[in-house]
Protein backbone atom coordinates (compact mmCIF):
# COMPACT_ATOMS: atom_id res chain seq x y z
CA MET A 1 0.00 0.00 0.00
CA SER A 2 2.86 2.37 0.78
CA GLU A 3 4.22 1.70 -2.71
CA ASP A 4 0.94 2.84 -4.25
CA ILE A 5 1.03 6.00 -2.16
CA ASN A 6 4.62 6.67 -3.25
CA LYS A 7 3.71 6.16 -6.89
CA LYS A 8 0.75 8.52 -6.59
CA THR A 9 2.95 11.09 -4.83
CA LYS A 10 5.56 10.86 -7.58
CA ILE A 11 2.87 11.23 -10.26
CA VAL A 12 1.50 14.32 -8.53
CA GLU A 13 5.00 15.80 -8.22
CA VAL A 14 5.72 15.11 -11.90
CA LYS A 15 2.46 16.78 -12.91
CA LYS A 16 3.23 19.79 -10.72
CA LYS A 17 6.69 20.02 -12.25
CA LYS A 18 5.25 19.87 -15.78
CA ARG A 19 2.74 22.57 -14.87
CA ARG A 20 5.55 24.76 -13.51
CA ILE A 21 7.61 24.24 -16.68
CA LYS A 22 4.56 24.92 -18.85
CA LYS A 23 3.77 28.07 -16.87
CA TRP A 24 7.40 29.20 -17.15
CA VAL A 25 7.37 28.65 -20.94
CA TRP A 26 4.13 30.60 -21.32
CA ASN A 27 5.51 33.42 -19.20
CA VAL A 28 8.65 33.59 -21.34
CA LEU A 29 6.55 33.59 -24.51
CA LEU A 30 4.29 36.29 -23.08
CA ILE A 31 7.27 38.48 -22.21
CA PHE A 32 8.73 37.88 -25.68
CA PHE A 33 5.53 38.90 -27.47
CA VAL A 34 5.11 41.94 -25.22
CA VAL A 35 8.67 43.05 -26.04
CA VAL A 36 8.06 42.48 -29.77
CA ALA A 37 4.80 44.43 -29.59
CA ILE A 38 6.45 47.33 -27.76
CA PHE A 39 9.32 47.36 -30.26
CA GLY A 40 6.85 47.29 -33.15
CA ILE A 41 4.88 50.20 -31.71
CA TYR A 42 8.12 52.12 -31.19
CA ARG A 43 9.21 51.46 -34.79
CA ILE A 44 5.83 52.61 -36.14
CA PHE A 45 6.04 55.76 -34.02
CA ASP A 46 9.62 56.34 -35.13
CA TRP A 47 8.74 55.75 -38.80
CA ASN A 48 5.84 58.19 -38.61
CA LYS A 49 8.02 60.77 -36.92
CA ASP A 50 10.68 60.43 -39.64
CA ASN A 51 7.98 60.86 -42.30
CA LYS A 52 6.54 63.91 -40.56
CA ASP A 53 9.97 65.52 -40.16
CA THR A 54 10.86 64.79 -43.79
CA LYS A 55 7.64 66.29 -45.11
CA GLU A 56 8.18 69.42 -43.00
CA ILE A 57 11.67 69.82 -44.49
CA ILE A 58 10.32 69.27 -48.02
CA ASN A 59 7.58 71.84 -47.47
CA GLU A 60 10.08 74.35 -46.09
CA ILE A 61 12.34 73.87 -49.13
CA ASN A 62 9.43 74.19 -51.56
CA ASN A 63 8.29 77.38 -49.87
CA ASP A 64 11.75 78.91 -50.15
CA VAL A 65 12.83 77.71 -53.60
CA THR A 66 11.59 78.79 -57.02
CA ILE A 67 11.94 76.40 -59.95
CA ASN A 68 12.05 78.26 -63.25
CA GLU A 69 11.66 76.66 -66.67
CA ILE A 70 14.28 77.96 -69.09
CA GLU A 71 13.79 78.06 -72.83
CA ASP A 72 16.75 77.44 -75.13
CA ASN A 73 19.08 80.41 -75.68
CA GLU A 74 22.62 81.16 -76.88
CA ASN A 75 24.03 79.21 -73.91
CA THR A 76 22.14 76.02 -74.79
CA GLU A 77 24.18 73.11 -76.11
CA ILE A 78 22.46 70.18 -77.83
CA ILE A 79 24.35 66.97 -77.06
CA GLY A 80 24.38 64.28 -79.75
CA GLU A 81 23.11 66.30 -82.69
CA SER A 82 24.37 63.54 -84.96
CA GLU A 83 21.42 61.28 -84.04
CA LYS A 84 20.33 59.57 -87.26
CA VAL A 85 16.89 59.85 -88.80
CA GLU A 86 16.07 56.43 -90.16
CA ALA A 87 13.28 55.60 -92.60
CA GLY A 88 12.06 59.18 -92.39
CA VAL A 89 11.19 58.85 -88.70
CA ALA A 90 13.10 60.95 -86.16
CA PRO A 91 14.25 59.13 -83.01
CA ASP A 92 12.48 60.11 -79.80
CA TYR A 93 15.61 62.08 -78.99
CA TRP A 94 14.31 65.01 -81.06
CA TYR A 95 11.03 64.98 -79.16
CA TYR A 96 12.79 65.30 -75.80
CA ILE A 97 15.17 68.03 -76.96
CA LYS A 98 12.19 70.38 -77.07
CA PHE A 99 11.60 70.14 -73.32
CA PRO A 100 12.65 73.25 -71.35
CA LEU A 101 15.41 73.05 -68.78
CA ILE A 102 14.83 73.95 -65.14
CA ASP A 103 16.85 76.47 -63.17
CA VAL A 104 17.19 76.55 -59.37
CA ASP A 105 19.28 78.85 -57.20
CA ILE A 106 21.62 76.26 -55.70
CA ASN A 107 23.60 78.88 -53.77
CA SER A 108 20.54 79.69 -51.66
CA LEU A 109 20.21 75.98 -50.84
CA LYS A 110 23.90 75.81 -49.92
CA GLU A 111 23.13 78.33 -47.18
CA LYS A 112 20.83 75.72 -45.64
CA ASN A 113 23.17 72.80 -46.31
CA SER A 114 26.68 73.29 -47.69
CA ASP A 115 26.62 69.71 -49.07
CA THR A 116 24.01 70.70 -51.67
CA VAL A 117 25.24 70.14 -55.23
CA GLY A 118 22.08 70.21 -57.34
CA TRP A 119 18.33 69.81 -57.83
CA ILE A 120 16.73 66.81 -59.54
CA ASN A 121 13.31 66.53 -61.15
CA VAL A 122 11.83 63.34 -62.67
CA ASN A 123 8.60 63.83 -64.63
CA ASN A 124 5.39 62.37 -63.20
CA THR A 125 7.02 61.24 -59.93
CA ASN A 126 7.43 62.94 -56.56
CA ILE A 127 11.15 63.34 -57.22
CA ASN A 128 11.67 67.08 -57.12
CA TYR A 129 14.36 67.72 -54.52
CA PRO A 130 17.78 69.18 -53.89
CA TYR A 131 20.44 66.48 -53.74
CA VAL A 132 23.62 66.47 -51.69
CA GLN A 133 27.06 64.90 -51.68
CA THR A 134 29.55 64.16 -48.92
CA ASN A 135 32.70 62.05 -48.55
CA ASP A 136 30.88 58.70 -48.26
CA ASN A 137 27.69 56.93 -49.31
CA LYS A 138 26.53 56.32 -45.72
CA TYR A 139 25.84 59.63 -44.00
CA TYR A 140 22.70 60.57 -45.94
CA LEU A 141 21.22 57.10 -45.59
CA ASN A 142 20.08 58.22 -42.13
CA HIS A 143 20.40 62.00 -42.13
CA SER A 144 17.96 64.48 -43.63
CA PHE A 145 18.65 67.64 -45.60
CA ASP A 146 19.05 69.64 -42.39
CA LYS A 147 21.56 66.99 -41.18
CA SER A 148 19.27 65.81 -38.40
CA TYR A 149 19.21 62.06 -37.78
CA ASN A 150 16.38 60.58 -39.81
CA GLU A 151 15.99 57.02 -41.14
CA ALA A 152 14.29 58.44 -44.25
CA GLY A 153 17.67 59.86 -45.26
CA TRP A 154 17.98 62.20 -48.23
CA VAL A 155 18.77 62.20 -51.95
CA PHE A 156 22.53 62.06 -52.47
CA MET A 157 25.15 61.73 -55.20
CA ASP A 158 27.78 59.00 -55.10
CA TYR A 159 30.88 60.35 -53.35
CA ARG A 160 33.04 59.04 -56.21
CA ASN A 161 31.36 61.32 -58.74
CA ASN A 162 32.31 64.86 -59.65
CA SER A 163 29.59 67.32 -58.69
CA ASN A 164 29.81 68.94 -62.16
CA LEU A 165 28.34 65.76 -63.72
CA ASP A 166 31.31 65.14 -66.02
CA ASN A 167 31.76 61.43 -65.18
CA LYS A 168 30.76 58.76 -67.67
CA ASN A 169 28.26 57.48 -65.10
CA THR A 170 26.88 59.74 -62.36
CA ILE A 171 24.86 57.96 -59.67
CA ILE A 172 22.20 59.42 -57.39
CA TYR A 173 20.65 57.41 -54.55
CA ALA A 174 17.75 57.70 -52.11
CA HIS A 175 15.57 55.43 -50.02
CA SER A 176 12.34 54.08 -51.47
CA ARG A 177 9.96 55.33 -48.78
CA LEU A 178 6.47 53.86 -48.44
CA ASP A 179 4.99 57.35 -48.20
CA LYS A 180 6.46 57.99 -51.69
CA THR A 181 8.96 60.62 -50.54
CA MET A 182 12.63 60.46 -51.59
CA PHE A 183 12.75 57.80 -54.36
CA GLY A 184 9.59 56.06 -53.14
CA SER A 185 7.71 57.06 -56.29
CA LEU A 186 10.40 55.74 -58.64
CA SER A 187 8.56 52.41 -58.76
CA LYS A 188 6.08 54.14 -61.09
CA VAL A 189 8.53 53.53 -63.94
CA PHE A 190 7.46 49.87 -64.00
CA ARG A 191 3.84 50.73 -64.76
CA SER A 192 2.87 50.60 -68.41
CA GLU A 193 0.97 53.89 -68.16
CA TRP A 194 4.19 55.55 -67.05
CA HIS A 195 6.77 54.16 -69.46
CA THR A 196 4.45 54.30 -72.46
CA ASN A 197 3.99 58.05 -71.97
CA LYS A 198 6.92 59.76 -73.69
CA ASP A 199 6.49 62.91 -71.60
CA ASN A 200 7.74 60.96 -68.59
CA HIS A 201 11.07 59.95 -70.10
CA ILE A 202 13.15 62.92 -69.04
CA ILE A 203 15.14 63.92 -65.97
CA ARG A 204 16.11 67.52 -65.38
CA ILE A 205 18.94 68.68 -63.15
CA SER A 206 20.04 72.12 -62.07
CA THR A 207 23.46 72.65 -60.49
CA GLU A 208 25.38 75.73 -59.43
CA ASN A 209 26.94 76.13 -62.88
CA GLU A 210 24.58 74.55 -65.42
CA ASN A 211 21.15 73.13 -66.18
CA THR A 212 20.87 69.76 -67.90
CA LEU A 213 18.31 67.51 -69.58
CA TRP A 214 18.61 63.70 -69.57
CA GLN A 215 16.72 61.16 -71.68
CA ILE A 216 15.77 57.90 -69.95
CA PHE A 217 16.85 54.80 -71.87
CA SER A 218 16.61 51.93 -69.37
CA VAL A 219 14.56 50.92 -66.31
CA TYR A 220 14.79 47.60 -64.52
CA LYS A 221 14.98 45.68 -61.23
CA ILE A 222 18.09 43.68 -60.36
CA GLU A 223 19.66 41.82 -57.45
CA GLU A 224 22.02 44.04 -55.49
CA GLU A 225 25.30 44.42 -57.40
CA SER A 226 28.06 46.95 -58.08
CA TYR A 227 28.22 46.70 -61.89
CA TYR A 228 25.57 49.28 -62.78
CA ILE A 229 27.15 51.81 -60.40
CA THR A 230 30.56 51.64 -62.09
CA THR A 231 31.92 55.18 -62.39
CA ASN A 232 35.24 54.67 -64.19
CA PHE A 233 36.03 52.64 -67.29
CA SER A 234 39.44 51.59 -68.56
CA ASN A 235 38.61 52.27 -72.22
CA ASP A 236 35.79 53.00 -74.69
CA GLU A 237 35.32 49.30 -75.41
CA ASP A 238 34.54 48.60 -71.75
CA TYR A 239 32.20 51.57 -71.62
CA ASN A 240 30.35 50.50 -74.77
CA GLU A 241 29.93 47.02 -73.31
CA PHE A 242 28.56 48.59 -70.13
CA LEU A 243 26.07 50.72 -72.08
CA THR A 244 24.88 47.73 -74.11
CA THR A 245 24.42 45.65 -70.96
CA ILE A 246 22.39 48.18 -69.01
CA LYS A 247 20.30 49.11 -72.05
CA ASN A 248 19.43 45.46 -72.73
CA ARG A 249 18.30 45.02 -69.13
CA SER A 250 15.43 47.48 -69.62
CA ILE A 251 11.88 46.23 -69.32
CA TYR A 252 10.87 48.71 -72.02
CA ASN A 253 12.44 49.82 -75.30
CA PHE A 254 12.92 53.58 -75.09
CA ASN A 255 14.12 53.86 -78.70
CA THR A 256 17.43 55.45 -77.67
CA ASN A 257 20.81 55.43 -79.38
CA LEU A 258 23.94 55.26 -77.22
CA SER A 259 27.64 55.81 -77.89
CA ASP A 260 30.87 55.96 -75.90
CA SER A 261 30.70 59.76 -76.04
CA ASP A 262 27.52 59.79 -73.95
CA ARG A 263 27.43 60.81 -70.31
CA ILE A 264 24.79 58.94 -68.33
CA LEU A 265 22.87 59.42 -65.11
CA THR A 266 21.87 56.50 -62.89
CA LEU A 267 19.15 56.59 -60.23
CA SER A 268 19.25 53.76 -57.71
CA THR A 269 16.94 52.80 -54.86
CA CYS A 270 15.76 49.69 -53.03
CA TYR A 271 12.89 47.65 -54.44
CA ASP A 272 13.21 45.32 -51.46
CA ASP A 273 16.03 44.20 -49.16
CA ASN A 274 17.97 42.45 -51.93
CA VAL A 275 16.65 43.98 -55.16
CA ARG A 276 17.33 47.42 -56.60
CA THR A 277 15.23 49.68 -58.81
CA VAL A 278 17.45 51.27 -61.44
CA VAL A 279 16.86 54.05 -63.97
CA HIS A 280 19.45 55.16 -66.55
CA ALA A 281 19.34 58.33 -68.67
CA LYS A 282 21.75 60.01 -71.07
CA LEU A 283 22.63 63.71 -71.29
CA ILE A 284 21.03 65.37 -74.33
CA LYS A 285 21.01 69.09 -73.50
CA ARG A 286 22.86 71.49 -71.26
CA SER A 287 23.03 75.21 -70.64
CA VAL A 288 25.76 76.98 -68.72
CA LYS A 289 24.42 79.48 -66.18
CA GLU A 290 25.40 83.09 -66.66
C-alpha cells in the first residue's frame, strides 16, 4: 500500500513540475511577445516621426525655392546632334530636346546645407528635390537635408562622382519610402501607363553652374550588385559594353541610341532588401548658367 502511495505522490510531483515548466514557458513567450509588440509600436512611431519631419523639411524647401523653366538660348548646347533619322522617322531624342530646362538657385540651398550640389526633377514622380554629396555613401542614408538624424535619409550623389556631372556614369541614390517621398515614387517607372507616356522619359537637373536635360533609356529591377554603379572605365570598349548591358536590361524599349561619347545618369533605390530599382538616362542638352 505504501508503494501505491509513493507512486501517486511521484505522479502528482511530476504533474506539478510539468505545470511549472509549462507556466514558465508561457511566461517567457508572453514576455517575448510583449517586447516584440512594444518594439513594433516604437518602430511605427519612429517611422511616422521620420515621415513627418521629412515632409516638413520638403515643405520648407518648396516654400523657399523657385523652380524656373528655361527656354533654349545662346548658352544652350544640344548633345548628340548627330542622331540619325532612319526611314524618315526621327528618333524620340528630337522629341525630348524640345523640353525646357529647369533652373534653381543652388547657392541659396547651400546656405541651408553646404553639401548641396544640385536639384533633380523626374517627370510624373514625386522626385523634385535638392540632392547632396559628402565624402561617403553612408551619411545621408540616415540623415535628412538639415543633417538631423532621420531614417528616411535624403537624396545624395555618389561620393566618387564629380559634382559637375562630367563622369561617364553619375549615380544618385535615395531610399524608397512607403509614403512615396525620396525615391519612393520611382517604382512608377514599372507601370505601363508611365513608361508608355513619352512625356515621362526625361530627368532635369540644375546645379550651381549649369542646367541639364537627360533622356531615360533603361529601367529595370536587379539583385544588389556593383556593376551598374561603375563610375570609371578603362577604355571605350569597356564603356560600350557597359552601355549595351544596361540598355538590354530594360523592361521597355525607349528607342534610344547610345555611344561611348555619352554621359549617363543612374538613379538607384531599393525595391526590397535584396533587389534594386534602377533608372538610366543620357545627357542630351545642357546650358551653362550666366
